Amino acid sequence: MNKDKPYDLGERTFEFALSVANIVNKLSRTLSNIEYSKQVIKSSGSTGANYIEANENLSEKDAIYRFKICRKESKESGFWLRLLRETNDVSFKDRFNELIQEANELKLIFNAIINKKSNK
């Protein structure tokens, strides 16, 4: 993931999912890594995919619903990343911390979008 975070949220969610995929590909193939990796790949990718859906503007209600899914998937990604961080070699710790922080930042961004759209 780029240290200069993209302003474009679509690009930022893509970079997040890509970074998650890149780190899990470096992990050893233990049972827990395989299972946790599957989960975090799904949730990090779903964050970006639902962001794309939210921007289709079928209706304001649908957009808010999709943004809520983005927020949920960001929170879930943080959970799986924490499990992977705690069950793997310390050499991955800093990278996992960065990804956990990004998941949290995305969650906060989606929360702000939901609040703004809900208060219209």
PDB file of N, CA and C in Angstrom:
ATOM      1  N   MET A   1       0.842  -1.156   0.000  1.00  0.00           N
ATOM      2  CA  MET A   1       0.000   0.000   0.000  1.00  0.00           C
ATOM      3  C   MET A   1       0.895   1.228   0.000  1.00  0.00           C
ATOM      4  N   ASN A   2       0.536   2.203  -0.722  1.00  0.00           N
ATOM      5  CA  ASN A   2       1.278   3.435  -0.855  1.00  0.00           C
ATOM      6  C   ASN A   2       1.211   4.225   0.447  1.00  0.00           C
ATOM      7  N   LYS A   3       2.325   4.807   0.874  1.00  0.00           N
ATOM      8  CA  LYS A   3       2.323   5.635   2.084  1.00  0.00           C
ATOM      9  C   LYS A   3       1.438   6.863   1.886  1.00  0.00           C
ATOM     10  N   ASP A   4       1.395   7.403   0.658  1.00  0.00           N
ATOM     11  CA  ASP A   4       0.491   8.497   0.328  1.00  0.00           C
ATOM     12  C   ASP A   4      -0.824   7.872  -0.098  1.00  0.00           C
ATOM     13  N   LYS A   5      -1.776   7.905   0.819  1.00  0.00           N
ATOM     14  CA  LYS A   5      -3.044   7.229   0.572  1.00  0.00           C
ATOM     15  C   LYS A   5      -3.819   7.932  -0.534  1.00  0.00           C
ATOM     16  N   PRO A   6      -4.366   7.154  -1.458  1.00  0.00           N
ATOM     17  CA  PRO A   6      -5.127   7.758  -2.558  1.00  0.00           C
ATOM     18  C   PRO A   6      -6.327   8.533  -2.041  1.00  0.00           C
ATOM     19  N   TYR A   7      -6.588   9.680  -2.654  1.00  0.00           N
ATOM     20  CA  TYR A   7      -7.760  10.475  -2.302  1.00  0.00           C
ATOM     21  C   TYR A   7      -9.019   9.772  -2.800  1.00  0.00           C
ATOM     22  N   ASP A   8      -8.910   9.121  -3.946  1.00  0.00           N
ATOM     23  CA  ASP A   8     -10.035   8.398  -4.529  1.00  0.00           C
ATOM     24  C   ASP A   8     -10.326   7.170  -3.680  1.00  0.00           C
ATOM     25  N   LEU A   9     -11.517   7.128  -3.090  1.00  0.00           N
ATOM     26  CA  LEU A   9     -11.851   6.035  -2.178  1.00  0.00           C
ATOM     27  C   LEU A   9     -11.940   4.695  -2.901  1.00  0.00           C
ATOM     28  N   GLY A  10     -12.354   4.705  -4.154  1.00  0.00           N
ATOM     29  CA  GLY A  10     -12.373   3.469  -4.933  1.00  0.00           C
ATOM     30  C   GLY A  10     -10.971   2.901  -5.092  1.00  0.00           C
ATOM     31  N   GLU A  11     -10.030   3.759  -5.372  1.00  0.00           N
ATOM     32  CA  GLU A  11      -8.639   3.327  -5.508  1.00  0.00           C
ATOM     33  C   GLU A  11      -8.080   2.891  -4.151  1.00  0.00           C
ATOM     34  N   ARG A  12      -8.448   3.612  -3.122  1.00  0.00           N
ATOM     35  CA  ARG A  12      -7.952   3.270  -1.785  1.00  0.00           C
ATOM     36  C   ARG A  12      -8.462   1.904  -1.338  1.00  0.00           C
ATOM     37  N   THR A  13      -9.723   1.598  -1.615  1.00  0.00           N
ATOM     38  CA  THR A  13     -10.246   0.280  -1.231  1.00  0.00           C
ATOM     39  C   THR A  13      -9.603  -0.825  -2.075  1.00  0.00           C
ATOM     40  N   PHE A  14      -9.313  -0.510  -3.341  1.00  0.00           N
ATOM     41  CA  PHE A  14      -8.612  -1.480  -4.194  1.00  0.00           C
ATOM     42  C   PHE A  14      -7.216  -1.756  -3.633  1.00  0.00           C
ATOM     43  N   GLU A  15      -6.487  -0.694  -3.293  1.00  0.00           N
ATOM     44  CA  GLU A  15      -5.138  -0.840  -2.752  1.00  0.00           C
ATOM     45  C   GLU A  15      -5.153  -1.623  -1.439  1.00  0.00           C
ATOM     46  N   PHE A  16      -6.186  -1.404  -0.638  1.00  0.00           N
ATOM     47  CA  PHE A  16      -6.312  -2.139   0.616  1.00  0.00           C
ATOM     48  C   PHE A  16      -6.461  -3.636   0.347  1.00  0.00           C
ATOM     49  N   ALA A  17      -7.390  -3.997  -0.522  1.00  0.00           N
ATOM     50  CA  ALA A  17      -7.605  -5.416  -0.841  1.00  0.00           C
ATOM     51  C   ALA A  17      -6.351  -6.036  -1.462  1.00  0.00           C
ATOM     52  N   LEU A  18      -5.685  -5.300  -2.324  1.00  0.00           N
ATOM     53  CA  LEU A  18      -4.454  -5.787  -2.951  1.00  0.00           C
ATOM     54  C   LEU A  18      -3.356  -6.006  -1.914  1.00  0.00           C
ATOM     55  N   SER A  19      -3.215  -5.075  -1.000  1.00  0.00           N
ATOM     56  CA  SER A  19      -2.199  -5.209   0.051  1.00  0.00           C
ATOM     57  C   SER A  19      -2.476  -6.397   0.956  1.00  0.00           C
ATOM     58  N   VAL A  20      -3.747  -6.623   1.267  1.00  0.00           N
ATOM     59  CA  VAL A  20      -4.125  -7.777   2.075  1.00  0.00           C
ATOM     60  C   VAL A  20      -3.755  -9.057   1.331  1.00  0.00           C
ATOM     61  N   ALA A  21      -4.099  -9.123   0.049  1.00  0.00           N
ATOM     62  CA  ALA A  21      -3.772 -10.320  -0.743  1.00  0.00           C
ATOM     63  C   ALA A  21      -2.264 -10.551  -0.780  1.00  0.00           C
ATOM     64  N   ASN A  22      -1.505  -9.492  -0.935  1.00  0.00           N
ATOM     65  CA  ASN A  22      -0.049  -9.624  -1.012  1.00  0.00           C
ATOM     66  C   ASN A  22       0.554 -10.155   0.283  1.00  0.00           C
ATOM     67  N   ILE A  23       0.062  -9.698   1.417  1.00  0.00           N
ATOM     68  CA  ILE A  23       0.652 -10.188   2.674  1.00  0.00           C
ATOM     69  C   ILE A  23       0.232 -11.622   2.972  1.00  0.00           C
ATOM     70  N   VAL A  24      -1.020 -11.974   2.713  1.00  0.00           N
ATOM     71  CA  VAL A  24      -1.419 -13.353   3.027  1.00  0.00           C
ATOM     72  C   VAL A  24      -0.714 -14.354   2.116  1.00  0.00           C
ATOM     73  N   ASN A  25      -0.336 -13.923   0.938  1.00  0.00           N
ATOM     74  CA  ASN A  25       0.410 -14.810   0.041  1.00  0.00           C
ATOM     75  C   ASN A  25       1.811 -15.112   0.561  1.00  0.00           C
ATOM     76  N   LYS A  26       2.304 -14.304   1.497  1.00  0.00           N
ATOM     77  CA  LYS A  26       3.638 -14.509   2.064  1.00  0.00           C
ATOM     78  C   LYS A  26       3.631 -15.379   3.317  1.00  0.00           C
ATOM     79  N   LEU A  27       2.441 -15.672   3.835  1.00  0.00           N
ATOM     80  CA  LEU A  27       2.345 -16.427   5.083  1.00  0.00           C
ATOM     81  C   LEU A  27       2.523 -17.922   4.852  1.00  0.00           C
ATOM     82  N   SER A  28       2.975 -18.595   5.901  1.00  0.00           N
ATOM     83  CA  SER A  28       3.092 -20.049   5.818  1.00  0.00           C
ATOM     84  C   SER A  28       1.696 -20.657   5.695  1.00  0.00           C
ATOM     85  N   ARG A  29       1.629 -21.872   5.192  1.00  0.00           N
ATOM     86  CA  ARG A  29       0.341 -22.527   4.894  1.00  0.00           C
ATOM     87  C   ARG A  29      -0.146 -23.366   6.072  1.00  0.00           C
ATOM     88  N   THR A  30      -0.321 -22.726   7.222  1.00  0.00           N
ATOM     89  CA  THR A  30      -0.881 -23.435   8.374  1.00  0.00           C
ATOM     90  C   THR A  30      -2.401 -23.430   8.248  1.00  0.00           C
ATOM     91  N   LEU A  31      -3.041 -24.280   9.017  1.00  0.00           N
ATOM     92  CA  LEU A  31      -4.502 -24.357   8.974  1.00  0.00           C
ATOM     93  C   LEU A  31      -5.131 -23.011   9.319  1.00  0.00           C
ATOM     94  N   SER A  32      -4.664 -22.375  10.384  1.00  0.00           N
ATOM     95  CA  SER A  32      -5.261 -21.093  10.777  1.00  0.00           C
ATOM     96  C   SER A  32      -4.986 -20.015   9.734  1.00  0.00           C
ATOM     97  N   ASN A  33      -3.784 -19.977   9.183  1.00  0.00           N
ATOM     98  CA  ASN A  33      -3.488 -18.977   8.145  1.00  0.00           C
ATOM     99  C   ASN A  33      -4.374 -19.155   6.923  1.00  0.00           C
ATOM    100  N   ILE A  34      -4.593 -20.386   6.525  1.00  0.00           N
ATOM    101  CA  ILE A  34      -5.441 -20.644   5.360  1.00  0.00           C
ATOM    102  C   ILE A  34      -6.858 -20.150   5.623  1.00  0.00           C
ATOM    103  N   GLU A  35      -7.412 -20.498   6.771  1.00  0.00           N
ATOM    104  CA  GLU A  35      -8.796 -20.120   7.077  1.00  0.00           C
ATOM    105  C   GLU A  35      -8.940 -18.617   7.298  1.00  0.00           C
ATOM    106  N   TYR A  36      -8.058 -18.017   8.094  1.00  0.00           N
ATOM    107  CA  TYR A  36      -8.137 -16.578   8.351  1.00  0.00           C
ATOM    108  C   TYR A  36      -7.873 -15.786   7.072  1.00  0.00           C
ATOM    109  N   SER A  37      -6.963 -16.292   6.260  1.00  0.00           N
ATOM    110  CA  SER A  37      -6.649 -15.612   4.996  1.00  0.00           C
ATOM    111  C   SER A  37      -7.845 -15.604   4.051  1.00  0.00           C
ATOM    112  N   LYS A  38      -8.545 -16.715   3.972  1.00  0.00           N
ATOM    113  CA  LYS A  38      -9.748 -16.766   3.136  1.00  0.00           C
ATOM    114  C   LYS A  38     -10.746 -15.700   3.580  1.00  0.00           C
ATOM    115  N   GLN A  39     -10.932 -15.603   4.869  1.00  0.00           N
ATOM    116  CA  GLN A  39     -11.892 -14.642   5.414  1.00  0.00           C
ATOM    117  C   GLN A  39     -11.481 -13.202   5.129  1.00  0.00           C
ATOM    118  N   VAL A  40     -10.216 -12.883   5.357  1.00  0.00           N
ATOM    119  CA  VAL A  40      -9.777 -11.495   5.170  1.00  0.00           C
ATOM    120  C   VAL A  40      -9.720 -11.120   3.688  1.00  0.00           C
ATOM    121  N   ILE A  41      -9.424 -12.074   2.829  1.00  0.00           N
ATOM    122  CA  ILE A  41      -9.461 -11.808   1.387  1.00  0.00           C
ATOM    123  C   ILE A  41     -10.883 -11.436   0.977  1.00  0.00           C
ATOM    124  N   LYS A  42     -11.851 -12.194   1.485  1.00  0.00           N
ATOM    125  CA  LYS A  42     -13.254 -11.920   1.151  1.00  0.00           C
ATOM    126  C   LYS A  42     -13.701 -10.565   1.685  1.00  0.00           C
ATOM    127  N   SER A  43     -13.432 -10.301   2.948  1.00  0.00           N
ATOM    128  CA  SER A  43     -13.932  -9.057   3.539  1.00  0.00           C
ATOM    129  C   SER A  43     -13.231  -7.826   2.981  1.00  0.00           C
ATOM    130  N   SER A  44     -11.931  -7.902   2.730  1.00  0.00           N
ATOM    131  CA  SER A  44     -11.230  -6.728   2.183  1.00  0.00           C
ATOM    132  C   SER A  44     -11.667  -6.457   0.745  1.00  0.00           C
ATOM    133  N   GLY A  45     -11.874  -7.504  -0.031  1.00  0.00           N
ATOM    134  CA  GLY A  45     -12.363  -7.322  -1.400  1.00  0.00           C
ATOM    135  C   GLY A  45     -13.790  -6.826  -1.432  1.00  0.00           C
ATOM    136  N   SER A  46     -14.596  -7.299  -0.502  1.00  0.00           N
ATOM    137  CA  SER A  46     -15.992  -6.884  -0.434  1.00  0.00           C
ATOM    138  C   SER A  46     -16.122  -5.408  -0.089  1.00  0.00           C
ATOM    139  N   THR A  47     -15.184  -4.881   0.669  1.00  0.00           N
ATOM    140  CA  THR A  47     -15.206  -3.456   0.997  1.00  0.00           C
ATOM    141  C   THR A  47     -15.197  -2.626  -0.285  1.00  0.00           C
ATOM    142  N   GLY A  48     -14.275  -2.930  -1.175  1.00  0.00           N
ATOM    143  CA  GLY A  48     -14.178  -2.188  -2.436  1.00  0.00           C
ATOM    144  C   GLY A  48     -15.322  -2.475  -3.383  1.00  0.00           C
ATOM    145  N   ALA A  49     -15.731  -3.723  -3.465  1.00  0.00           N
ATOM    146  CA  ALA A  49     -16.819  -4.083  -4.375  1.00  0.00           C
ATOM    147  C   ALA A  49     -18.122  -3.399  -3.970  1.00  0.00           C
ATOM    148  N   ASN A  50     -18.394  -3.339  -2.682  1.00  0.00           N
ATOM    149  CA  ASN A  50     -19.605  -2.664  -2.228  1.00  0.00           C
ATOM    150  C   ASN A  50     -19.506  -1.154  -2.374  1.00  0.00           C
ATOM    151  N   TYR A  51     -18.297  -0.619  -2.301  1.00  0.00           N
ATOM    152  CA  TYR A  51     -18.126   0.815  -2.565  1.00  0.00           C
ATOM    153  C   TYR A  51     -18.515   1.129  -4.014  1.00  0.00           C
ATOM    154  N   ILE A  52     -18.100   0.280  -4.930  1.00  0.00           N
ATOM    155  CA  ILE A  52     -18.482   0.457  -6.338  1.00  0.00           C
ATOM    156  C   ILE A  52     -19.994   0.412  -6.476  1.00  0.00           C
ATOM    157  N   GLU A  53     -20.616  -0.568  -5.826  1.00  0.00           N
ATOM    158  CA  GLU A  53     -22.077  -0.694  -5.873  1.00  0.00           C
ATOM    159  C   GLU A  53     -22.765   0.531  -5.280  1.00  0.00           C
ATOM    160  N   ALA A  54     -22.232   1.062  -4.201  1.00  0.00           N
ATOM    161  CA  ALA A  54     -22.831   2.229  -3.547  1.00  0.00           C
ATOM    162  C   ALA A  54     -22.848   3.435  -4.466  1.00  0.00           C
ATOM    163  N   ASN A  55     -21.878   3.508  -5.342  1.00  0.00           N
ATOM    164  CA  ASN A  55     -21.778   4.651  -6.250  1.00  0.00           C
ATOM    165  C   ASN A  55     -22.616   4.516  -7.510  1.00  0.00           C
ATOM    166  N   GLU A  56     -23.329   3.414  -7.643  1.00  0.00           N
ATOM    167  CA  GLU A  56     -24.222   3.240  -8.788  1.00  0.00           C
ATOM    168  C   GLU A  56     -25.491   4.073  -8.653  1.00  0.00           C
ATOM    169  N   ASN A  57     -25.734   4.564  -7.450  1.00  0.00           N
ATOM    170  CA  ASN A  57     -26.860   5.464  -7.182  1.00  0.00           C
ATOM    171  C   ASN A  57     -28.207   4.949  -7.667  1.00  0.00           C
ATOM    172  N   LEU A  58     -28.519   3.714  -7.365  1.00  0.00           N
ATOM    173  CA  LEU A  58     -29.851   3.206  -7.669  1.00  0.00           C
ATOM    174  C   LEU A  58     -30.880   3.953  -6.834  1.00  0.00           C
ATOM    175  N   SER A  59     -30.554   4.194  -5.587  1.00  0.00           N
ATOM    176  CA  SER A  59     -31.373   5.027  -4.704  1.00  0.00           C
ATOM    177  C   SER A  59     -30.504   5.429  -3.520  1.00  0.00           C
ATOM    178  N   GLU A  60     -30.911   6.472  -2.833  1.00  0.00           N
ATOM    179  CA  GLU A  60     -30.167   6.907  -1.652  1.00  0.00           C
ATOM    180  C   GLU A  60     -30.197   5.824  -0.578  1.00  0.00           C
ATOM    181  N   LYS A  61     -31.327   5.161  -0.433  1.00  0.00           N
ATOM    182  CA  LYS A  61     -31.478   4.088   0.550  1.00  0.00           C
ATOM    183  C   LYS A  61     -30.525   2.935   0.227  1.00  0.00           C
ATOM    184  N   ASP A  62     -30.421   2.570  -1.048  1.00  0.00           N
ATOM    185  CA  ASP A  62     -29.512   1.500  -1.450  1.00  0.00           C
ATOM    186  C   ASP A  62     -28.062   1.912  -1.217  1.00  0.00           C
ATOM    187  N   ALA A  63     -27.729   3.160  -1.518  1.00  0.00           N
ATOM    188  CA  ALA A  63     -26.358   3.637  -1.305  1.00  0.00           C
ATOM    189  C   ALA A  63     -25.986   3.545   0.170  1.00  0.00           C
ATOM    190  N   ILE A  64     -26.881   3.990   1.047  1.00  0.00           N
ATOM    191  CA  ILE A  64     -26.609   3.929   2.490  1.00  0.00           C
ATOM    192  C   ILE A  64     -26.420   2.481   2.927  1.00  0.00           C
ATOM    193  N   TYR A  65     -27.272   1.597   2.420  1.00  0.00           N
ATOM    194  CA  TYR A  65     -27.151   0.176   2.736  1.00  0.00           C
ATOM    195  C   TYR A  65     -25.778  -0.359   2.309  1.00  0.00           C
ATOM    196  N   ARG A  66     -25.346  -0.018   1.095  1.00  0.00           N
ATOM    197  CA  ARG A  66     -24.040  -0.488   0.600  1.00  0.00           C
ATOM    198  C   ARG A  66     -22.891   0.078   1.424  1.00  0.00           C
ATOM    199  N   PHE A  67     -23.006   1.360   1.797  1.00  0.00           N
ATOM    200  CA  PHE A  67     -21.961   1.954   2.631  1.00  0.00           C
ATOM    201  C   PHE A  67     -21.907   1.275   4.000  1.00  0.00           C
ATOM    202  N   LYS A  68     -23.055   0.849   4.512  1.00  0.00           N
ATOM    203  CA  LYS A  68     -23.071   0.106   5.781  1.00  0.00           C
ATOM    204  C   LYS A  68     -22.367  -1.233   5.625  1.00  0.00           C
ATOM    205  N   ILE A  69     -22.535  -1.858   4.466  1.00  0.00           N
ATOM    206  CA  ILE A  69     -21.816  -3.112   4.213  1.00  0.00           C
ATOM    207  C   ILE A  69     -20.312  -2.832   4.136  1.00  0.00           C
ATOM    208  N   CYS A  70     -19.923  -1.735   3.484  1.00  0.00           N
ATOM    209  CA  CYS A  70     -18.502  -1.357   3.425  1.00  0.00           C
ATOM    210  C   CYS A  70     -17.933  -1.189   4.829  1.00  0.00           C
ATOM    211  N   ARG A  71     -18.680  -0.516   5.682  1.00  0.00           N
ATOM    212  CA  ARG A  71     -18.234  -0.310   7.062  1.00  0.00           C
ATOM    213  C   ARG A  71     -18.093  -1.649   7.786  1.00  0.00           C
ATOM    214  N   LYS A  72     -19.087  -2.510   7.622  1.00  0.00           N
ATOM    215  CA  LYS A  72     -19.074  -3.835   8.260  1.00  0.00           C
ATOM    216  C   LYS A  72     -17.881  -4.661   7.769  1.00  0.00           C
ATOM    217  N   GLU A  73     -17.638  -4.660   6.469  1.00  0.00           N
ATOM    218  CA  GLU A  73     -16.539  -5.448   5.901  1.00  0.00           C
ATOM    219  C   GLU A  73     -15.183  -4.886   6.322  1.00  0.00           C
ATOM    220  N   SER A  74     -15.085  -3.576   6.485  1.00  0.00           N
ATOM    221  CA  SER A  74     -13.842  -2.975   6.973  1.00  0.00           C
ATOM    222  C   SER A  74     -13.564  -3.424   8.402  1.00  0.00           C
ATOM    223  N   LYS A  75     -14.609  -3.410   9.233  1.00  0.00           N
ATOM    224  CA  LYS A  75     -14.454  -3.868  10.624  1.00  0.00           C
ATOM    225  C   LYS A  75     -14.065  -5.340  10.655  1.00  0.00           C
ATOM    226  N   GLU A  76     -14.701  -6.141   9.824  1.00  0.00           N
ATOM    227  CA  GLU A  76     -14.393  -7.564   9.778  1.00  0.00           C
ATOM    228  C   GLU A  76     -12.955  -7.795   9.308  1.00  0.00           C
ATOM    229  N   SER A  77     -12.526  -7.031   8.325  1.00  0.00           N
ATOM    230  CA  SER A  77     -11.145  -7.164   7.844  1.00  0.00           C
ATOM    231  C   SER A  77     -10.158  -6.906   8.976  1.00  0.00           C
ATOM    232  N   GLY A  78     -10.428  -5.875   9.769  1.00  0.00           N
ATOM    233  CA  GLY A  78      -9.564  -5.577  10.904  1.00  0.00           C
ATOM    234  C   GLY A  78      -9.484  -6.733  11.888  1.00  0.00           C
ATOM    235  N   PHE A  79     -10.604  -7.391  12.114  1.00  0.00           N
ATOM    236  CA  PHE A  79     -10.642  -8.547  13.018  1.00  0.00           C
ATOM    237  C   PHE A  79      -9.746  -9.672  12.509  1.00  0.00           C
ATOM    238  N   TRP A  80      -9.912 -10.048  11.246  1.00  0.00           N
ATOM    239  CA  TRP A  80      -9.118 -11.147  10.681  1.00  0.00           C
ATOM    240  C   TRP A  80      -7.641 -10.786  10.626  1.00  0.00           C
ATOM    241  N   LEU A  81      -7.347  -9.528  10.320  1.00  0.00           N
ATOM    242  CA  LEU A  81      -5.952  -9.091  10.292  1.00  0.00           C
ATOM    243  C   LEU A  81      -5.319  -9.175  11.683  1.00  0.00           C
ATOM    244  N   ARG A  82      -6.088  -8.828  12.704  1.00  0.00           N
ATOM    245  CA  ARG A  82      -5.576  -8.952  14.067  1.00  0.00           C
ATOM    246  C   ARG A  82      -5.265 -10.404  14.404  1.00  0.00           C
ATOM    247  N   LEU A  83      -6.146 -11.312  14.024  1.00  0.00           N
ATOM    248  CA  LEU A  83      -5.883 -12.732  14.270  1.00  0.00           C
ATOM    249  C   LEU A  83      -4.627 -13.190  13.535  1.00  0.00           C
ATOM    250  N   LEU A  84      -4.485 -12.778  12.295  1.00  0.00           N
ATOM    251  CA  LEU A  84      -3.285 -13.165  11.533  1.00  0.00           C
ATOM    252  C   LEU A  84      -2.024 -12.573  12.160  1.00  0.00           C
ATOM    253  N   ARG A  85      -2.118 -11.328  12.603  1.00  0.00           N
ATOM    254  CA  ARG A  85      -0.954 -10.698  13.246  1.00  0.00           C
ATOM    255  C   ARG A  85      -0.529 -11.479  14.486  1.00  0.00           C
ATOM    256  N   GLU A  86      -1.501 -11.887  15.281  1.00  0.00           N
ATOM    257  CA  GLU A  86      -1.194 -12.554  16.553  1.00  0.00           C
ATOM    258  C   GLU A  86      -0.770 -14.005  16.397  1.00  0.00           C
ATOM    259  N   THR A  87      -1.034 -14.614  15.246  1.00  0.00           N
ATOM    260  CA  THR A  87      -0.703 -16.024  15.060  1.00  0.00           C
ATOM    261  C   THR A  87       0.454 -16.236  14.092  1.00  0.00           C
ATOM    262  N   ASN A  88       1.137 -15.154  13.740  1.00  0.00           N
ATOM    263  CA  ASN A  88       2.252 -15.272  12.802  1.00  0.00           C
ATOM    264  C   ASN A  88       3.517 -14.656  13.360  1.00  0.00           C
ATOM    265  N   ASP A  89       4.583 -14.885  12.628  1.00  0.00           N
ATOM    266  CA  ASP A  89       5.912 -14.408  12.980  1.00  0.00           C
ATOM    267  C   ASP A  89       5.893 -12.894  13.202  1.00  0.00           C
ATOM    268  N   VAL A  90       6.657 -12.455  14.176  1.00  0.00           N
ATOM    269  CA  VAL A  90       6.738 -11.040  14.524  1.00  0.00           C
ATOM    270  C   VAL A  90       7.241 -10.181  13.357  1.00  0.00           C
ATOM    271  N   SER A  91       7.933 -10.781  12.400  1.00  0.00           N
ATOM    272  CA  SER A  91       8.443 -10.009  11.257  1.00  0.00           C
ATOM    273  C   SER A  91       7.319  -9.407  10.416  1.00  0.00           C
ATOM    274  N   PHE A  92       6.100  -9.943  10.535  1.00  0.00           N
ATOM    275  CA  PHE A  92       4.953  -9.404   9.804  1.00  0.00           C
ATOM    276  C   PHE A  92       4.171  -8.371  10.612  1.00  0.00           C
ATOM    277  N   LYS A  93       4.528  -8.193  11.879  1.00  0.00           N
ATOM    278  CA  LYS A  93       3.719  -7.390  12.794  1.00  0.00           C
ATOM    279  C   LYS A  93       3.501  -5.956  12.306  1.00  0.00           C
ATOM    280  N   ASP A  94       4.554  -5.274  11.884  1.00  0.00           N
ATOM    281  CA  ASP A  94       4.413  -3.881  11.441  1.00  0.00           C
ATOM    282  C   ASP A  94       3.483  -3.767  10.242  1.00  0.00           C
ATOM    283  N   ARG A  95       3.616  -4.678   9.306  1.00  0.00           N
ATOM    284  CA  ARG A  95       2.761  -4.641   8.109  1.00  0.00           C
ATOM    285  C   ARG A  95       1.309  -4.904   8.474  1.00  0.00           C
ATOM    286  N   PHE A  96       1.090  -5.865   9.371  1.00  0.00           N
ATOM    287  CA  PHE A  96      -0.277  -6.120   9.829  1.00  0.00           C
ATOM    288  C   PHE A  96      -0.837  -4.900  10.560  1.00  0.00           C
ATOM    289  N   ASN A  97      -0.010  -4.248  11.369  1.00  0.00           N
ATOM    290  CA  ASN A  97      -0.470  -3.044  12.069  1.00  0.00           C
ATOM    291  C   ASN A  97      -0.903  -1.957  11.086  1.00  0.00           C
ATOM    292  N   GLU A  98      -0.166  -1.789  10.022  1.00  0.00           N
ATOM    293  CA  GLU A  98      -0.531  -0.803   8.995  1.00  0.00           C
ATOM    294  C   GLU A  98      -1.874  -1.155   8.365  1.00  0.00           C
ATOM    295  N   LEU A  99      -2.066  -2.428   8.062  1.00  0.00           N
ATOM    296  CA  LEU A  99      -3.320  -2.855   7.431  1.00  0.00           C
ATOM    297  C   LEU A  99      -4.502  -2.755   8.396  1.00  0.00           C
ATOM    298  N   ILE A 100      -4.254  -3.041   9.649  1.00  0.00           N
ATOM    299  CA  ILE A 100      -5.305  -2.901  10.665  1.00  0.00           C
ATOM    300  C   ILE A 100      -5.688  -1.427  10.792  1.00  0.00           C
ATOM    301  N   GLN A 101      -4.700  -0.562  10.777  1.00  0.00           N
ATOM    302  CA  GLN A 101      -4.973   0.880  10.830  1.00  0.00           C
ATOM    303  C   GLN A 101      -5.778   1.324   9.607  1.00  0.00           C
ATOM    304  N   GLU A 102      -5.418   0.825   8.447  1.00  0.00           N
ATOM    305  CA  GLU A 102      -6.149   1.181   7.228  1.00  0.00           C
ATOM    306  C   GLU A 102      -7.587   0.680   7.291  1.00  0.00           C
ATOM    307  N   ALA A 103      -7.794  -0.531   7.799  1.00  0.00           N
ATOM    308  CA  ALA A 103      -9.155  -1.053   7.947  1.00  0.00           C
ATOM    309  C   ALA A 103      -9.963  -0.146   8.870  1.00  0.00           C
ATOM    310  N   ASN A 104      -9.342   0.305   9.946  1.00  0.00           N
ATOM    311  CA  ASN A 104     -10.026   1.195  10.882  1.00  0.00           C
ATOM    312  C   ASN A 104     -10.331   2.552  10.239  1.00  0.00           C
ATOM    313  N   GLU A 105      -9.376   3.090   9.500  1.00  0.00           N
ATOM    314  CA  GLU A 105      -9.599   4.373   8.822  1.00  0.00           C
ATOM    315  C   GLU A 105     -10.733   4.257   7.804  1.00  0.00           C
ATOM    316  N   LEU A 106     -10.760   3.165   7.057  1.00  0.00           N
ATOM    317  CA  LEU A 106     -11.854   2.960   6.096  1.00  0.00           C
ATOM    318  C   LEU A 106     -13.189   2.861   6.821  1.00  0.00           C
ATOM    319  N   LYS A 107     -13.211   2.155   7.936  1.00  0.00           N
ATOM    320  CA  LYS A 107     -14.438   2.051   8.740  1.00  0.00           C
ATOM    321  C   LYS A 107     -14.924   3.444   9.143  1.00  0.00           C
ATOM    322  N   LEU A 108     -14.010   4.289   9.600  1.00  0.00           N
ATOM    323  CA  LEU A 108     -14.379   5.640  10.023  1.00  0.00           C
ATOM    324  C   LEU A 108     -14.860   6.493   8.847  1.00  0.00           C
ATOM    325  N   ILE A 109     -14.236   6.336   7.704  1.00  0.00           N
ATOM    326  CA  ILE A 109     -14.658   7.066   6.510  1.00  0.00           C
ATOM    327  C   ILE A 109     -16.071   6.652   6.117  1.00  0.00           C
ATOM    328  N   PHE A 110     -16.321   5.347   6.082  1.00  0.00           N
ATOM    329  CA  PHE A 110     -17.659   4.880   5.712  1.00  0.00           C
ATOM    330  C   PHE A 110     -18.695   5.295   6.751  1.00  0.00           C
ATOM    331  N   ASN A 111     -18.310   5.318   8.003  1.00  0.00           N
ATOM    332  CA  ASN A 111     -19.224   5.775   9.040  1.00  0.00           C
ATOM    333  C   ASN A 111     -19.598   7.243   8.825  1.00  0.00           C
ATOM    334  N   ALA A 112     -18.622   8.060   8.477  1.00  0.00           N
ATOM    335  CA  ALA A 112     -18.884   9.480   8.219  1.00  0.00           C
ATOM    336  C   ALA A 112     -19.802   9.650   7.003  1.00  0.00           C
ATOM    337  N   ILE A 113     -19.579   8.861   5.965  1.00  0.00           N
ATOM    338  CA  ILE A 113     -20.431   8.930   4.773  1.00  0.00           C
ATOM    339  C   ILE A 113     -21.864   8.547   5.138  1.00  0.00           C
ATOM    340  N   ILE A 114     -22.018   7.481   5.896  1.00  0.00           N
ATOM    341  CA  ILE A 114     -23.354   7.021   6.313  1.00  0.00           C
ATOM    342  C   ILE A 114     -24.058   8.117   7.117  1.00  0.00           C
ATOM    343  N   ASN A 115     -23.340   8.701   8.072  1.00  0.00           N
ATOM    344  CA  ASN A 115     -23.938   9.754   8.900  1.00  0.00           C
ATOM    345  C   ASN A 115     -24.344  10.959   8.071  1.00  0.00           C
ATOM    346  N   LYS A 116     -23.501  11.349   7.127  1.00  0.00           N
ATOM    347  CA  LYS A 116     -23.802  12.506   6.274  1.00  0.00           C
ATOM    348  C   LYS A 116     -25.018  12.226   5.396  1.00  0.00           C
ATOM    349  N   LYS A 117     -25.053  11.053   4.795  1.00  0.00           N
ATOM    350  CA  LYS A 117     -26.171  10.701   3.913  1.00  0.00           C
ATOM    351  C   LYS A 117     -27.469  10.489   4.689  1.00  0.00           C
ATOM    352  N   SER A 118     -27.364   9.991   5.898  1.00  0.00           N
ATOM    353  CA  SER A 118     -28.553   9.727   6.717  1.00  0.00           C
ATOM    354  C   SER A 118     -29.172  11.015   7.263  1.00  0.00           C
ATOM    355  N   ASN A 119     -28.369  12.061   7.375  1.00  0.00           N
ATOM    356  CA  ASN A 119     -28.842  13.334   7.929  1.00  0.00           C
ATOM    357  C   ASN A 119     -29.364  14.294   6.866  1.00  0.00           C
ATOM    358  N   LYS A 120     -29.467  13.856   5.639  1.00  0.00           N
ATOM    359  CA  LYS A 120     -29.972  14.726   4.565  1.00  0.00           C
ATOM    360  C   LYS A 120     -31.444  14.933   4.692  1.00  0.00           C
TER     361      LYS A 120
END
